[in-house]
């Protein structure tokens, strides 16, 4: 019974990771097409970011953080589990 539960937990962890990767992919694509000025520009003041630019960057950070967290959780479950047999 423990093995079946662990298998289900592994499938759920994998699905969570895949979901996080897809979310990151969507966030990265939105960032890519946003034309956010990453170059600081020639003057003392950088090119301005809009509130939407900031939201896109924060979304990207959150999405990447979720990828790392879900992958580490899934990796840990695969490495640390010992069969009850």
C-alpha atoms as a PDB file:
ATOM      1  CA  UNK A   1       0.000   0.000   0.000  1.00  0.00           C
ATOM      2  CA  UNK A   2       2.826   2.419   0.794  1.00  0.00           C
ATOM      3  CA  UNK A   3       4.316   1.913  -2.648  1.00  0.00           C
ATOM      4  CA  UNK A   4       1.053   2.811  -4.356  1.00  0.00           C
ATOM      5  CA  UNK A   5       0.700   5.965  -2.282  1.00  0.00           C
ATOM      6  CA  UNK A   6       4.278   6.910  -3.078  1.00  0.00           C
ATOM      7  CA  UNK A   7       3.698   6.310  -6.779  1.00  0.00           C
ATOM      8  CA  UNK A   8       0.668   8.591  -6.651  1.00  0.00           C
ATOM      9  CA  UNK A   9       2.660  11.241  -4.783  1.00  0.00           C
ATOM     10  CA  UNK A  10       5.417  11.009  -7.393  1.00  0.00           C
ATOM     11  CA  UNK A  11       2.884  11.442 -10.203  1.00  0.00           C
ATOM     12  CA  UNK A  12       1.397  14.456  -8.430  1.00  0.00           C
ATOM     13  CA  UNK A  13       4.850  15.953  -7.839  1.00  0.00           C
ATOM     14  CA  UNK A  14       5.726  15.444 -11.502  1.00  0.00           C
ATOM     15  CA  UNK A  15       2.446  17.043 -12.568  1.00  0.00           C
ATOM     16  CA  UNK A  16       3.138  20.003 -10.280  1.00  0.00           C
ATOM     17  CA  UNK A  17       6.565  20.408 -11.827  1.00  0.00           C
ATOM     18  CA  UNK A  18       5.161  20.253 -15.361  1.00  0.00           C
ATOM     19  CA  UNK A  19       2.523  22.820 -14.430  1.00  0.00           C
ATOM     20  CA  UNK A  20       5.196  25.110 -13.015  1.00  0.00           C
ATOM     21  CA  UNK A  21       7.307  24.753 -16.171  1.00  0.00           C
ATOM     22  CA  UNK A  22       4.309  25.639 -18.328  1.00  0.00           C
ATOM     23  CA  UNK A  23       3.535  28.661 -16.171  1.00  0.00           C
ATOM     24  CA  UNK A  24       7.178  29.754 -16.475  1.00  0.00           C
ATOM     25  CA  UNK A  25       7.041  29.280 -20.249  1.00  0.00           C
ATOM     26  CA  UNK A  26       3.936  31.492 -20.488  1.00  0.00           C
ATOM     27  CA  UNK A  27       5.516  34.150 -18.267  1.00  0.00           C
ATOM     28  CA  UNK A  28       8.735  34.065 -20.286  1.00  0.00           C
ATOM     29  CA  UNK A  29       6.840  34.432 -23.562  1.00  0.00           C
ATOM     30  CA  UNK A  30       4.899  37.424 -22.187  1.00  0.00           C
ATOM     31  CA  UNK A  31       8.172  38.940 -21.013  1.00  0.00           C
ATOM     32  CA  UNK A  32       9.792  38.366 -24.418  1.00  0.00           C
ATOM     33  CA  UNK A  33       7.061  40.236 -26.297  1.00  0.00           C
ATOM     34  CA  UNK A  34       6.685  43.020 -23.733  1.00  0.00           C
ATOM     35  CA  UNK A  35       9.470  45.224 -25.115  1.00  0.00           C
ATOM     36  CA  UNK A  36      10.516  46.018 -21.565  1.00  0.00           C
ATOM     37  CA  UNK A  37      13.626  48.198 -21.765  1.00  0.00           C
ATOM     38  CA  UNK A  38      16.411  46.179 -20.164  1.00  0.00           C
ATOM     39  CA  UNK A  39      19.154  48.414 -21.572  1.00  0.00           C
ATOM     40  CA  UNK A  40      19.673  51.249 -19.080  1.00  0.00           C
ATOM     41  CA  UNK A  41      20.046  53.805 -21.862  1.00  0.00           C
ATOM     42  CA  UNK A  42      22.729  56.429 -22.466  1.00  0.00           C
ATOM     43  CA  UNK A  43      21.681  58.939 -19.827  1.00  0.00           C
ATOM     44  CA  UNK A  44      21.951  58.995 -16.051  1.00  0.00           C
ATOM     45  CA  UNK A  45      18.333  57.914 -15.725  1.00  0.00           C
ATOM     46  CA  UNK A  46      17.340  54.484 -17.046  1.00  0.00           C
ATOM     47  CA  UNK A  47      14.578  53.969 -19.546  1.00  0.00           C
ATOM     48  CA  UNK A  48      11.347  53.857 -17.516  1.00  0.00           C
ATOM     49  CA  UNK A  49       9.406  50.732 -16.697  1.00  0.00           C
ATOM     50  CA  UNK A  50       5.639  50.806 -16.536  1.00  0.00           C
ATOM     51  CA  UNK A  51       3.601  49.152 -13.805  1.00  0.00           C
ATOM     52  CA  UNK A  52       2.869  46.396 -16.338  1.00  0.00           C
ATOM     53  CA  UNK A  53       6.602  45.870 -16.926  1.00  0.00           C
ATOM     54  CA  UNK A  54       7.168  45.471 -13.192  1.00  0.00           C
ATOM     55  CA  UNK A  55       4.240  43.047 -12.958  1.00  0.00           C
ATOM     56  CA  UNK A  56       5.710  40.951 -15.789  1.00  0.00           C
ATOM     57  CA  UNK A  57       9.114  40.782 -14.113  1.00  0.00           C
ATOM     58  CA  UNK A  58       7.546  39.788 -10.790  1.00  0.00           C
ATOM     59  CA  UNK A  59       5.425  37.148 -12.526  1.00  0.00           C
ATOM     60  CA  UNK A  60       8.561  35.756 -14.159  1.00  0.00           C
ATOM     61  CA  UNK A  61      10.350  35.605 -10.805  1.00  0.00           C
ATOM     62  CA  UNK A  62       7.395  33.838  -9.161  1.00  0.00           C
ATOM     63  CA  UNK A  63       7.124  31.362 -12.023  1.00  0.00           C
ATOM     64  CA  UNK A  64      10.831  30.504 -11.954  1.00  0.00           C
ATOM     65  CA  UNK A  65      10.734  30.153  -8.169  1.00  0.00           C
ATOM     66  CA  UNK A  66       7.860  27.676  -8.563  1.00  0.00           C
ATOM     67  CA  UNK A  67       9.860  25.666 -11.130  1.00  0.00           C
ATOM     68  CA  UNK A  68      12.800  25.374  -8.759  1.00  0.00           C
ATOM     69  CA  UNK A  69      10.619  24.535  -5.756  1.00  0.00           C
ATOM     70  CA  UNK A  70       8.551  21.882  -7.486  1.00  0.00           C
ATOM     71  CA  UNK A  71      11.606  20.308  -9.106  1.00  0.00           C
ATOM     72  CA  UNK A  72      13.466  20.118  -5.802  1.00  0.00           C
ATOM     73  CA  UNK A  73      10.430  18.568  -4.125  1.00  0.00           C
ATOM     74  CA  UNK A  74      10.034  15.989  -6.894  1.00  0.00           C
ATOM     75  CA  UNK A  75      13.770  15.193  -6.905  1.00  0.00           C
ATOM     76  CA  UNK A  76      13.751  14.786  -3.134  1.00  0.00           C
ATOM     77  CA  UNK A  77      10.800  12.406  -3.241  1.00  0.00           C
ATOM     78  CA  UNK A  78      12.542  10.230  -5.822  1.00  0.00           C
ATOM     79  CA  UNK A  79      15.880  10.159  -3.982  1.00  0.00           C
ATOM     80  CA  UNK A  80      14.742   9.730  -0.398  1.00  0.00           C
ATOM     81  CA  UNK A  81      12.051   7.090  -0.723  1.00  0.00           C
ATOM     82  CA  UNK A  82      12.855   3.548   0.335  1.00  0.00           C
ATOM     83  CA  UNK A  83      10.614   0.679  -0.689  1.00  0.00           C
ATOM     84  CA  UNK A  84       8.866  -0.980   2.282  1.00  0.00           C
ATOM     85  CA  UNK A  85       9.739  -4.433   0.851  1.00  0.00           C
END
